[in-house]
């Protein structure tokens, strides 16, 4: 598989960052109870893929730069061979997470590592993209502190060659939305910072004689001071003058040429009574919807597009993009954010989020009364994706991100960034698109669908999760 380099786009400078080589250690006592789940995140910038020279003049020939060393794990960057610059994670109790992510040099990147003690699962996110996940054969040991920058007391090897800032340890697995919030703005602005087990911003005043210094203050308020392993600085002055930069918020334009069309509330053209008479493609390269001037156009209300359906009359609020405006061969992907309210007026009725003309490419839920009232159907009528049983209380009246990747034998569907189904759904392309009902004007949507992203490639799981994080921050 192809290895991928993940670049950041940080622009707003903060005060300073800690520079390695030297060690910061907080291994004096238990930071988390035994068998705890956790999330570790930090911003860091590599100077080079090779290790830094030893502070004490010893060897630095190990094949990894150590970013973190815990009592039961290590997180490292490979510094030689064909895996140069690749992130890796190892649990000393059995198991590892391999990635294809290459960390760029001279670029600030955001790292997020999660460990779920319940199901022994771990994930690695780099710049809000899922780059690795894996299972472990045994629980990790007690979390008794953390070394940052190289490997514990052996200060002659494995020095990190770079800088680090805004390090956080959370006593639970952070959600995709929470991880996205950490990536999209400086962590010290997060309202849930007191929930952290420990947090260091490295902004404390530096005494002229650090020999008796108590260490970097724990911004979470839990008193976890971060010291060097010898209670003083090692090596040269470790405070960098290179500015730390916060990221600009992610939006679909970051998809580049993959983005075929993008519809959002700010591209809606309204009638005097706030009905959406046209939905324009924000990219300007593909499909503006057809013009509408009747009462069956959806309303733009409180910054979101609202759809309603009259089950008995067959009249629905819809937005149509004709095939002359939006026609794509396979592979392609459609991601929408929606809230499905459902309508019990007609038992067995179905809410269509979108429908591709001719091929009826759909992502639907059957929400009527009866045997199928808790089934989602992801797929197309020219092929098949089998229904998935999801409790009505999980979806009805709640916001979710729905995604369909149409790619022949490898077509997939996702709910909130999680893979739901994989199937062969044929080879036909996309020939127009209707939001809010089928093209046969059946099965209208009752709810909201404010944003849709269409791509001319088969998005992978990391891209789907990134789009979900973006949409979930806007609509919830």
Protein backbone atom coordinates (compact mmCIF):
# COMPACT_ATOMS: atom_id res chain seq x y z
CA UNK A 1 0.00 0.00 0.00
CA UNK A 2 1.09 3.55 -0.66
CA UNK A 3 2.50 5.49 2.27
CA UNK A 4 1.05 8.94 2.83
CA UNK A 5 2.54 12.12 4.25
CA UNK A 6 0.17 14.19 6.40
CA UNK A 7 0.75 17.94 6.34
CA UNK A 8 -0.70 20.52 8.68
CA UNK A 9 -1.80 24.09 8.00
CA UNK A 10 -1.08 25.90 11.26
CA UNK A 11 -1.08 29.66 10.95
CA UNK A 12 -1.70 31.37 14.31
CA UNK A 13 1.47 31.59 16.45
CA UNK A 14 1.50 30.73 20.13
CA UNK A 15 4.25 31.69 22.54
CA UNK A 16 6.71 28.83 22.43
CA UNK A 17 7.27 25.08 22.31
CA UNK A 18 9.59 22.67 24.09
CA UNK A 19 12.63 21.62 22.09
CA UNK A 20 14.36 18.24 22.25
CA UNK A 21 16.87 16.58 22.81
CA UNK A 22 16.27 16.38 26.53
CA UNK A 23 13.86 14.39 28.60
CA UNK A 24 10.63 15.39 30.26
CA UNK A 25 9.38 12.75 32.65
CA UNK A 26 6.33 12.26 34.83
CA UNK A 27 6.91 8.71 36.03
CA UNK A 28 6.77 9.33 39.78
CA UNK A 29 3.36 7.77 40.37
CA UNK A 30 0.14 6.44 38.92
CA UNK A 31 -1.47 8.89 36.53
CA UNK A 32 -4.50 6.70 35.76
CA UNK A 33 -6.08 3.76 37.62
CA UNK A 34 -5.29 0.21 36.45
CA UNK A 35 -7.05 -0.95 33.28
CA UNK A 36 -7.92 2.59 32.23
CA UNK A 37 -8.81 3.74 28.76
CA UNK A 38 -6.97 6.84 27.63
CA UNK A 39 -6.26 9.34 24.88
CA UNK A 40 -2.86 11.00 24.44
CA UNK A 41 -2.55 13.97 22.13
CA UNK A 42 0.12 16.51 21.32
CA UNK A 43 1.40 18.84 18.64
CA UNK A 44 4.93 18.12 17.47
CA UNK A 45 7.35 19.11 14.75
CA UNK A 46 10.24 16.95 13.55
CA UNK A 47 13.48 18.59 12.54
CA UNK A 48 14.58 15.42 10.73
CA UNK A 49 13.62 11.76 10.51
CA UNK A 50 16.95 10.79 12.11
CA UNK A 51 17.49 10.85 15.88
CA UNK A 52 18.89 13.87 17.63
CA UNK A 53 22.47 13.71 18.94
CA UNK A 54 22.67 12.43 22.50
CA UNK A 55 22.72 15.03 25.27
CA UNK A 56 25.46 13.04 27.00
CA UNK A 57 27.53 12.19 23.97
CA UNK A 58 26.50 8.54 23.72
CA UNK A 59 25.08 6.64 20.80
CA UNK A 60 21.84 7.59 19.14
CA UNK A 61 21.83 4.76 16.61
CA UNK A 62 18.52 3.14 17.56
CA UNK A 63 16.09 2.80 14.69
CA UNK A 64 13.32 4.87 16.28
CA UNK A 65 12.71 8.32 17.65
CA UNK A 66 10.67 7.93 20.84
CA UNK A 67 7.82 10.44 21.12
CA UNK A 68 6.24 8.86 24.21
CA UNK A 69 7.25 6.10 26.59
CA UNK A 70 4.68 4.86 29.10
CA UNK A 71 4.89 2.08 31.64
CA UNK A 72 3.35 -0.33 29.13
CA UNK A 73 3.77 1.20 25.68
CA UNK A 74 5.91 3.29 23.39
CA UNK A 75 5.09 5.52 20.45
CA UNK A 76 7.85 6.05 17.92
CA UNK A 77 8.91 7.19 14.46
CA UNK A 78 11.09 4.88 12.37
CA UNK A 79 14.34 6.54 11.34
CA UNK A 80 15.86 4.15 8.80
CA UNK A 81 15.12 1.85 5.88
CA UNK A 82 12.01 1.87 3.73
CA UNK A 83 9.84 2.89 6.69
CA UNK A 84 11.66 6.19 7.25
CA UNK A 85 9.39 8.66 9.04
CA UNK A 86 6.56 6.16 9.66
CA UNK A 87 4.56 6.27 12.91
CA UNK A 88 4.31 3.14 15.05
CA UNK A 89 2.86 2.10 18.41
CA UNK A 90 3.83 -0.89 20.56
CA UNK A 91 2.14 -2.29 23.66
CA UNK A 92 4.56 -4.18 25.89
CA UNK A 93 1.73 -6.56 26.86
CA UNK A 94 1.17 -7.81 23.34
CA UNK A 95 0.10 -5.97 20.23
CA UNK A 96 1.05 -3.06 18.04
CA UNK A 97 -0.46 -0.59 15.61
CA UNK A 98 1.27 -0.25 12.27
CA UNK A 99 0.54 2.75 10.06
CA UNK A 100 1.33 3.95 6.56
CA UNK A 101 1.54 7.53 7.81
CA UNK A 102 4.76 9.39 7.12
CA UNK A 103 5.33 12.34 9.44
CA UNK A 104 6.62 15.33 7.46
CA UNK A 105 9.69 17.19 8.65
CA UNK A 106 9.62 20.91 9.46
CA UNK A 107 5.82 20.79 9.78
CA UNK A 108 3.66 20.99 12.91
CA UNK A 109 1.34 17.98 13.11
CA UNK A 110 -1.31 16.91 15.60
CA UNK A 111 -1.08 13.39 17.01
CA UNK A 112 -3.89 11.58 18.82
CA UNK A 113 -3.50 8.08 20.26
CA UNK A 114 -6.47 6.26 21.86
CA UNK A 115 -6.58 3.03 23.87
CA UNK A 116 -9.90 1.39 24.77
CA UNK A 117 -9.40 -0.86 27.81
CA UNK A 118 -12.82 -2.48 27.39
CA UNK A 119 -12.34 -4.02 23.96
CA UNK A 120 -8.51 -3.75 23.80
CA UNK A 121 -8.61 -1.56 20.71
CA UNK A 122 -6.36 1.34 19.77
CA UNK A 123 -6.34 4.07 17.11
CA UNK A 124 -3.87 6.63 15.81
CA UNK A 125 -5.00 9.92 14.25
CA UNK A 126 -2.62 12.34 12.54
CA UNK A 127 -4.01 15.78 11.69
CA UNK A 128 -7.51 14.46 12.40
CA UNK A 129 -7.12 11.58 9.90
CA UNK A 130 -7.34 7.97 11.06
CA UNK A 131 -3.99 6.45 10.05
CA UNK A 132 -3.86 3.28 12.14
CA UNK A 133 -5.94 0.98 14.33
CA UNK A 134 -5.40 -2.38 15.95
CA UNK A 135 -6.21 -4.88 18.69
CA UNK A 136 -4.14 -6.01 21.67
CA UNK A 137 -3.90 -9.51 23.13
CA UNK A 138 -3.79 -8.38 26.77
CA UNK A 139 -4.65 -5.28 28.81
CA UNK A 140 -1.96 -2.67 29.17
CA UNK A 141 -0.34 -2.25 32.55
CA UNK A 142 -1.04 0.58 34.94
CA UNK A 143 -0.40 4.03 33.47
CA UNK A 144 2.34 5.23 35.83
CA UNK A 145 3.55 8.29 34.05
CA UNK A 146 4.98 9.33 30.73
CA UNK A 147 8.36 10.15 29.24
CA UNK A 148 8.38 12.64 26.38
CA UNK A 149 11.24 12.96 23.95
CA UNK A 150 13.23 9.77 24.49
CA UNK A 151 13.32 6.49 26.31
CA UNK A 152 13.29 6.83 30.10
CA UNK A 153 16.60 6.86 31.96
CA UNK A 154 18.62 5.76 28.93
CA UNK A 155 19.23 9.28 27.73
CA UNK A 156 21.92 8.32 25.20
CA UNK A 157 19.52 6.81 22.67
CA UNK A 158 16.27 7.46 20.86
CA UNK A 159 16.10 11.22 21.36
CA UNK A 160 13.27 12.91 19.52
CA UNK A 161 14.72 15.34 17.01
CA UNK A 162 12.18 18.14 17.09
CA UNK A 163 9.72 20.13 19.19
CA UNK A 164 6.56 19.42 21.13
CA UNK A 165 3.69 21.53 22.49
CA UNK A 166 0.22 21.23 24.05
CA UNK A 167 0.45 17.70 25.41
CA UNK A 168 -2.75 16.22 26.87
CA UNK A 169 -3.69 12.94 28.56
CA UNK A 170 -7.40 12.15 28.81
CA UNK A 171 -8.74 9.30 31.01
CA UNK A 172 -11.14 8.06 28.34
CA UNK A 173 -11.35 7.49 24.58
CA UNK A 174 -12.05 10.83 22.91
CA UNK A 175 -14.76 10.86 20.24
CA UNK A 176 -14.16 11.81 16.62
CA UNK A 177 -15.82 15.17 17.28
CA UNK A 178 -13.62 15.85 20.32
CA UNK A 179 -10.47 14.90 18.42
CA UNK A 180 -11.50 17.20 15.59
CA UNK A 181 -12.00 20.06 18.05
CA UNK A 182 -8.49 19.51 19.43
CA UNK A 183 -7.05 19.60 15.94
CA UNK A 184 -9.00 22.63 14.78
CA UNK A 185 -8.02 25.00 17.58
CA UNK A 186 -5.41 25.24 20.35
CA UNK A 187 -6.22 22.71 23.04
CA UNK A 188 -5.97 25.14 25.93
CA UNK A 189 -9.16 26.78 24.63
CA UNK A 190 -11.17 23.55 24.95
CA UNK A 191 -14.02 23.84 27.47
CA UNK A 192 -13.52 20.25 28.68
CA UNK A 193 -9.86 20.70 29.69
CA UNK A 194 -10.62 20.00 33.41
CA UNK A 195 -11.64 16.48 32.32
CA UNK A 196 -8.03 15.75 31.31
CA UNK A 197 -5.87 13.62 33.60
CA UNK A 198 -2.95 15.92 32.80
CA UNK A 199 -2.24 18.78 30.40
CA UNK A 200 0.91 20.76 29.75
CA UNK A 201 1.21 23.87 27.60
CA UNK A 202 4.90 24.57 28.37
CA UNK A 203 4.16 28.24 28.94
CA UNK A 204 5.46 28.44 32.54
CA UNK A 205 8.16 31.00 33.40
CA UNK A 206 11.65 29.47 33.21
CA UNK A 207 13.85 30.22 36.27
CA UNK A 208 17.44 31.27 35.70
CA UNK A 209 18.61 28.37 37.90
CA UNK A 210 16.31 25.42 37.15
CA UNK A 211 17.93 23.04 39.65
CA UNK A 212 15.09 23.42 42.16
CA UNK A 213 12.32 24.08 39.66
CA UNK A 214 9.07 22.19 40.32
CA UNK A 215 8.29 21.62 36.65
CA UNK A 216 5.73 22.54 34.04
CA UNK A 217 2.30 23.15 35.56
CA UNK A 218 -0.57 20.76 34.89
CA UNK A 219 -3.23 22.94 33.23
CA UNK A 220 -5.95 20.38 34.02
CA UNK A 221 -5.64 21.26 37.72
CA UNK A 222 -4.67 17.73 38.82
CA UNK A 223 -1.14 18.57 39.92
CA UNK A 224 0.79 16.39 37.47
CA UNK A 225 3.97 18.48 37.20
CA UNK A 226 6.16 17.58 34.24
CA UNK A 227 9.87 17.52 35.06
CA UNK A 228 13.06 16.40 33.45
CA UNK A 229 14.15 13.00 34.75
CA UNK A 230 16.93 14.67 36.78
CA UNK A 231 14.75 17.56 37.99
CA UNK A 232 16.60 19.99 35.77
CA UNK A 233 17.04 20.77 32.14
CA UNK A 234 19.42 18.58 30.20
CA UNK A 235 21.42 19.89 27.31
CA UNK A 236 20.98 23.25 25.68
CA UNK A 237 18.16 25.68 26.38
CA UNK A 238 15.04 23.63 25.57
CA UNK A 239 12.64 26.50 24.89
CA UNK A 240 12.29 27.15 21.20
CA UNK A 241 11.83 30.52 19.55
CA UNK A 242 10.12 28.82 16.61
CA UNK A 243 6.43 29.79 16.82
CA UNK A 244 3.81 27.16 17.43
CA UNK A 245 0.92 27.58 15.00
CA UNK A 246 -2.71 26.61 15.41
CA UNK A 247 -4.57 25.06 12.48
CA UNK A 248 -7.09 26.68 10.23
CA UNK A 249 -10.45 24.91 10.37
CA UNK A 250 -10.82 22.02 7.93
CA UNK A 251 -13.43 22.35 5.19
CA UNK A 252 -14.20 20.34 2.03
CA UNK A 253 -11.92 22.47 -0.17
CA UNK A 254 -9.05 20.55 1.48
CA UNK A 255 -10.17 17.57 -0.62
CA UNK A 256 -8.70 19.33 -3.66
CA UNK A 257 -9.57 17.96 -7.09
CA UNK A 258 -11.44 15.07 -5.46
CA UNK A 259 -14.28 17.45 -4.54
CA UNK A 260 -16.84 17.35 -7.37
CA UNK A 261 -19.71 19.32 -5.79
CA UNK A 262 -20.50 20.85 -2.41
CA UNK A 263 -23.86 22.10 -1.19
CA UNK A 264 -24.32 24.03 2.06
CA UNK A 265 -26.85 26.53 3.51
CA UNK A 266 -24.78 29.53 2.45
CA UNK A 267 -25.12 28.47 -1.22
CA UNK A 268 -28.94 28.35 -1.11
CA UNK A 269 -30.82 30.91 -3.22
CA UNK A 270 -34.04 31.85 -1.43
CA UNK A 271 -37.50 33.14 -2.30
CA UNK A 272 -38.98 36.01 -0.23
CA UNK A 273 -40.45 33.47 2.21
CA UNK A 274 -37.07 31.67 2.69
CA UNK A 275 -37.82 28.72 0.44
CA UNK A 276 -34.82 27.24 -1.34
CA UNK A 277 -35.52 27.91 -5.01
CA UNK A 278 -31.99 26.86 -6.03
CA UNK A 279 -29.10 25.08 -4.33
CA UNK A 280 -25.82 26.07 -5.92
CA UNK A 281 -22.61 24.09 -6.05
CA UNK A 282 -20.05 25.94 -3.91
CA UNK A 283 -17.18 24.63 -6.06
CA UNK A 284 -18.61 26.31 -9.18
CA UNK A 285 -17.57 23.37 -11.35
CA UNK A 286 -20.57 21.03 -11.41
CA UNK A 287 -24.23 21.02 -10.60
CA UNK A 288 -26.48 23.88 -9.56
CA UNK A 289 -29.97 22.60 -8.84
CA UNK A 290 -32.98 23.36 -11.00
CA UNK A 291 -34.86 26.57 -10.19
CA UNK A 292 -38.06 26.19 -8.18
CA UNK A 293 -40.69 28.75 -7.28
CA UNK A 294 -43.49 26.69 -5.77
CA UNK A 295 -44.46 25.92 -2.21
CA UNK A 296 -42.89 22.48 -2.42
CA UNK A 297 -39.37 23.86 -2.15
CA UNK A 298 -37.74 23.20 1.25
CA UNK A 299 -37.35 25.96 3.81
CA UNK A 300 -34.09 27.43 5.01
CA UNK A 301 -34.75 27.76 8.73
CA UNK A 302 -32.19 28.67 11.40
CA UNK A 303 -29.30 27.99 9.04
CA UNK A 304 -30.48 24.52 8.01
CA UNK A 305 -32.54 23.15 5.12
CA UNK A 306 -35.82 21.57 6.28
CA UNK A 307 -37.67 18.94 4.25
CA UNK A 308 -41.26 17.78 4.77
CA UNK A 309 -43.44 15.18 3.05
CA UNK A 310 -47.17 14.65 2.73
CA UNK A 311 -47.37 10.87 2.67
CA UNK A 312 -50.90 10.68 1.27
CA UNK A 313 -50.66 13.31 -1.48
CA UNK A 314 -47.20 12.29 -2.67
CA UNK A 315 -46.04 15.92 -2.50
CA UNK A 316 -42.56 16.41 -1.14
CA UNK A 317 -39.95 19.09 -0.67
CA UNK A 318 -37.09 18.23 -3.03
CA UNK A 319 -33.96 19.70 -4.61
CA UNK A 320 -33.00 18.34 -8.03
CA UNK A 321 -29.61 18.50 -9.73
CA UNK A 322 -30.13 17.34 -13.35
CA UNK A 323 -27.81 14.92 -15.12
CA UNK A 324 -26.72 17.77 -17.41
CA UNK A 325 -25.22 19.44 -14.32
CA UNK A 326 -23.93 16.47 -12.32
CA UNK A 327 -22.88 13.26 -14.09
CA UNK A 328 -20.01 11.18 -12.72
CA UNK A 329 -18.63 7.77 -13.67
CA UNK A 330 -17.63 5.33 -10.96
CA UNK A 331 -16.04 5.60 -8.52
CA UNK A 332 -17.76 8.44 -6.67
CA UNK A 333 -18.80 9.23 -3.10
CA UNK A 334 -21.73 11.07 -1.51
CA UNK A 335 -21.68 12.28 2.11
CA UNK A 336 -24.57 14.13 3.76
CA UNK A 337 -25.40 15.36 7.24
CA UNK A 338 -29.05 14.86 8.12
CA UNK A 339 -31.62 14.52 10.86
CA UNK A 340 -34.47 12.11 10.10
CA UNK A 341 -37.65 12.82 12.05
CA UNK A 342 -39.82 10.17 10.40
CA UNK A 343 -43.56 10.17 9.81
CA UNK A 344 -45.95 7.63 11.30
CA UNK A 345 -48.88 8.75 9.11
CA UNK A 346 -48.18 5.97 6.61
CA UNK A 347 -46.90 2.70 8.10
CA UNK A 348 -43.96 1.31 6.20
CA UNK A 349 -43.06 4.66 4.68
CA UNK A 350 -39.45 5.34 3.74
CA UNK A 351 -37.36 8.49 4.06
CA UNK A 352 -35.01 9.02 1.11
CA UNK A 353 -32.04 11.24 1.83
CA UNK A 354 -30.91 11.27 -1.81
CA UNK A 355 -31.52 9.40 -5.06
CA UNK A 356 -29.43 9.11 -8.20
CA UNK A 357 -31.55 9.30 -11.35
CA UNK A 358 -32.06 6.04 -13.31
CA UNK A 359 -29.82 3.98 -11.04
CA UNK A 360 -31.69 5.01 -7.86
CA UNK A 361 -28.53 5.24 -5.82
CA UNK A 362 -29.92 5.81 -2.40
CA UNK A 363 -29.18 5.97 1.26
CA UNK A 364 -32.49 5.39 2.99
CA UNK A 365 -34.18 4.32 6.18
CA UNK A 366 -37.42 2.43 6.42
CA UNK A 367 -39.11 4.12 9.36
CA UNK A 368 -42.67 2.85 9.18
CA UNK A 369 -44.48 0.68 11.68
CA UNK A 370 -43.95 -3.04 11.38
CA UNK A 371 -41.16 -5.56 11.01
CA UNK A 372 -38.73 -3.25 9.23
CA UNK A 373 -39.11 -0.11 11.30
CA UNK A 374 -35.55 -0.28 12.61
CA UNK A 375 -33.66 -0.98 9.40
CA UNK A 376 -31.34 1.27 7.43
CA UNK A 377 -30.84 0.46 3.75
CA UNK A 378 -27.52 1.62 2.33
CA UNK A 379 -27.05 1.16 -1.37
CA UNK A 380 -28.64 1.23 -4.80
CA UNK A 381 -31.65 -0.43 -6.32
CA UNK A 382 -29.61 -1.57 -9.33
CA UNK A 383 -27.46 -3.57 -6.91
CA UNK A 384 -27.84 -4.28 -3.24
CA UNK A 385 -26.55 -3.34 0.17
CA UNK A 386 -28.23 -5.29 2.86
CA UNK A 387 -30.22 -3.58 5.61
CA UNK A 388 -28.62 -3.01 8.97
CA UNK A 389 -30.68 -3.15 12.15
CA UNK A 390 -30.24 0.05 14.17
CA UNK A 391 -32.51 0.99 17.03
CA UNK A 392 -35.04 3.69 16.23
CA UNK A 393 -33.94 5.60 19.35
CA UNK A 394 -30.45 5.81 17.82
CA UNK A 395 -31.47 7.66 14.66
CA UNK A 396 -34.92 9.21 14.94
CA UNK A 397 -34.73 12.94 15.54
CA UNK A 398 -30.92 12.87 15.85
CA UNK A 399 -28.14 14.18 13.64
CA UNK A 400 -25.98 11.67 11.79
CA UNK A 401 -23.52 11.63 8.89
CA UNK A 402 -24.51 9.25 6.07
CA UNK A 403 -22.01 8.26 3.38
CA UNK A 404 -22.14 6.05 0.30
CA UNK A 405 -19.02 5.16 -1.71
CA UNK A 406 -19.96 3.69 -5.11
CA UNK A 407 -17.05 1.64 -6.43
CA UNK A 408 -18.30 -1.54 -8.08
CA UNK A 409 -17.36 -4.64 -6.09
CA UNK A 410 -15.89 -2.52 -3.30
CA UNK A 411 -18.83 -0.19 -2.67
CA UNK A 412 -19.24 0.80 0.97
CA UNK A 413 -21.59 2.69 3.27
CA UNK A 414 -20.85 4.55 6.50
CA UNK A 415 -22.79 5.93 9.45
CA UNK A 416 -20.98 8.62 11.47
CA UNK A 417 -17.65 7.58 9.99
CA UNK A 418 -18.12 3.89 10.84
CA UNK A 419 -18.23 1.25 8.11
CA UNK A 420 -21.69 -0.31 7.85
CA UNK A 421 -21.68 -2.51 4.74
CA UNK A 422 -19.60 -3.54 1.72
CA UNK A 423 -21.16 -4.90 -1.47
CA UNK A 424 -21.10 -5.02 -5.25
CA UNK A 425 -23.63 -2.47 -6.50
CA UNK A 426 -22.91 -2.47 -10.20
CA UNK A 427 -20.90 -0.29 -12.54
CA UNK A 428 -23.30 2.52 -13.51
CA UNK A 429 -22.32 6.13 -12.90
CA UNK A 430 -24.21 8.99 -11.28
CA UNK A 431 -26.72 10.75 -13.57
CA UNK A 432 -28.18 13.61 -11.60
CA UNK A 433 -29.17 13.72 -7.95
CA UNK A 434 -32.33 14.47 -5.97
CA UNK A 435 -32.21 15.44 -2.30
CA UNK A 436 -35.30 14.81 -0.18
CA UNK A 437 -37.17 12.11 -2.14
CA UNK A 438 -36.93 9.57 -4.94
CA UNK A 439 -36.96 10.78 -8.54
CA UNK A 440 -40.33 9.05 -8.88
CA UNK A 441 -41.53 11.60 -6.29
CA UNK A 442 -42.07 8.92 -3.69
CA UNK A 443 -40.85 8.55 -0.13
CA UNK A 444 -40.06 12.10 0.87
CA UNK A 445 -37.75 13.04 3.70
CA UNK A 446 -39.10 14.42 6.97
CA UNK A 447 -36.22 16.20 8.64
CA UNK A 448 -33.18 18.29 7.76
CA UNK A 449 -30.40 17.88 5.21
CA UNK A 450 -28.29 21.05 5.27
CA UNK A 451 -25.04 19.93 3.66
CA UNK A 452 -23.91 17.46 1.00
CA UNK A 453 -20.42 16.66 -0.33
CA UNK A 454 -19.94 14.76 -3.61
CA UNK A 455 -16.51 13.47 -4.64
CA UNK A 456 -15.29 11.99 -7.92
CA UNK A 457 -13.23 9.31 -6.18
CA UNK A 458 -13.83 6.46 -3.74
CA UNK A 459 -13.15 8.10 -0.39
CA UNK A 460 -11.30 5.94 2.13
CA UNK A 461 -12.24 5.44 5.79
CA UNK A 462 -9.94 8.21 7.02
CA UNK A 463 -11.44 10.74 4.59
CA UNK A 464 -15.00 9.73 5.52
CA UNK A 465 -14.17 10.17 9.20
CA UNK A 466 -12.60 13.57 8.54
CA UNK A 467 -15.71 14.77 6.70
CA UNK A 468 -17.91 13.40 9.49
CA UNK A 469 -15.92 15.34 12.10
CA UNK A 470 -16.31 18.53 10.04
CA UNK A 471 -20.07 18.08 9.61
CA UNK A 472 -20.70 16.98 13.20
CA UNK A 473 -19.16 20.20 14.53
CA UNK A 474 -21.59 22.23 12.40
CA UNK A 475 -24.83 20.31 12.88
CA UNK A 476 -25.72 18.54 16.11
